[in-house]
Amino acid sequence: MEAKKRNIIMILSDDQGYWSLGSYGNPEIKTPVLDRMAEEGVRFENFFCTSPVCSPARASILTGKMPSAHGVLDWLGGGSVNKKDYEGIMMNHRHAVPYLADRPTPKEVEKIPADAKIGFEETLSYQKYMNFEKGGVDFMKEHLCYTEVLKEYGYTCGLAGKWHLGNSYEKQKGFDFWEVIARGGTNYMLPEYIRDGKLKMEEEYVTDLITEDALHFLRQKKDGPFYLSVHYTAPHDPWEREDQPEDIWKEYDDCDFSYIPNLPKHPWQAKKRTQPHNEEERRQYIQGYYTCVTAMDRNIGKIMQCLKENQLDENTVVIFLADNGFNLGHHGVWGKGNGTFPMNMYESSVKVPCIIWGAGVKDHTVNEALVSQYDLFPTILELADIEDEKTRKYMETLPGKSLTPILSGEKEKIREEVVVYEEYGPVRMIRNDRFKLVYRTPYGPHELYDLQSDPNEEQNLIASPKHREIRNHLFRQLEKWFEEYTDERYDGRKFPVMGDGQMERLEEFGTDKTVFKSFP
């Protein structure tokens, strides 16, 4: 009798630093479900995103490719929905919710004189980036995603939550179940959704909604194995109290938030990013962030309970990770890779939590190997026992290696060479178990850190004569590796990525300045 294939669940959080779980050493935050999963499974101490911003990282997870090989170089500020559809739902709901009641309609905004409108639209959550929405753009159409392979081999694939890779209206890339957030971000208490191919607005806490959709998928009777992506928007901002569950918010009323460094503002801090102006705001933002994480943890508990109640827990692997890291004052930065300009590659931006739990996963293991999101493509297909010659040859063209030897306890690491790579437009990073080189093509500034003696990345050694040899060695490695895993059409070094969003496919616009936006 043929063994049943494993079910696989991918739970992906949004803008979550590796430091924001109890199992990763944070004594303040309340994450009992994820901490228990870490205790019962494998927790990766050094798991890296491929790019410290959401859309490129999400595309890399699905394709196993670096951004310079799939062409999503920045978060996608357009290409998700039709502008008219969006205007319509905002008009219908602007009086239904108190915090939208005093805001002007899109037509009223159009009447504001141009010189008075500068910077005005981006302060309104429903207006922000709306003008970039020109209908669905398929950013992934040329690229094979592991979900397509899973479907070919009999898996039923579902997606609940954030997509943010263009064209939210249509099921794609092997997904049969498609309940998605309309765009990249949304309000927690008034989320924009695609339901049955149409844009609408829900009036429920978005973290709960995503979980409800995931539970609906899990409770459906289906033949064969399943794959489910549960993509939360938590703990991405906004962090207003009125948007969050009051009972969880109050759990942090007595917390002093001393675990989060309270440092002077970084000189590169991007002015347009959310950041506190005083100590009261700082506290509110951290309390909001913690509340989002704890609310998500509570909802993950519902998914784990559903697996147990439906006798799915013994044959299911659950992968939890974040799309990118986040600084909540770390290094004096508020934000992720684009929290600064020039864009940064601090550990708090590029390291993410990753916990893998379930069938065939060794208990209570903390793994120190340097691994990356590009390792998930081969890992998931190997967990699904997909081993045909065509798939094997294709995976040989990708940079990733399967994590399954680590998960089973067979090996401590998957590469002899302990190196990971990262990029964000023209900014590239190479990191081994001691040194990190950040290279900004072509003008710099460049950075070199000895993470052994300087784990907080405070002393830039790029000009140190003593470190010239290691600097040059790392640079040669960096160039050689990206030569192998870059598609010339998408090479991030030649595009004006500034961290403010990508609007179109690169093949159609080249280096046209309208592809990437920078707000005033």
Foldseek 3Di string as FASTA:
>chain_A
DDDAFFFEEEEAEAAAFAQQDVCLPDPQFDQVLVNVLVQFFEWENAEWFQALAFQQSLLCLFFLAHCLALQFQFQALEQQAALVLLLVQCVVCQCVDVVSVPPDRPVVLVPPDPVVCAVPQCVDPSRNSSVLYHYWDQSCVVGQTLLLVCVVVPAAEAEFEADRRTHLLDDDNNHPHRKYFRHHDAQQQWTWIHDNSGIHIDRHGRLVRSLVSVLVVLPDDDPGHYYYYRYYHAPDDDLDPVSFDVVLLVVCPPPPPVVADADAADPFFDPPDDDDPDPVVLVSRVSSRSRRSNSNSVSVVVVCVSCVVVVSQQRYKYKYKYSWFAHSCQVNFGGAQLSGVVGDDASRSTGMIIRMGGHLFHGRHYAHANYYSSQNSVQVCVSSVPDDPVVVVVCVLRPYHHPNCVRNVVDRYGDPFRWDKHDRQQWIWIDGPFKIWIQRPPDDDIFMDGCVVCVSRPDGCPPPPVCPVVNVVRVVVRVVVCVSRRDVLNRSNPEPANNQHASHRCVVPPNPVVRHDDRD
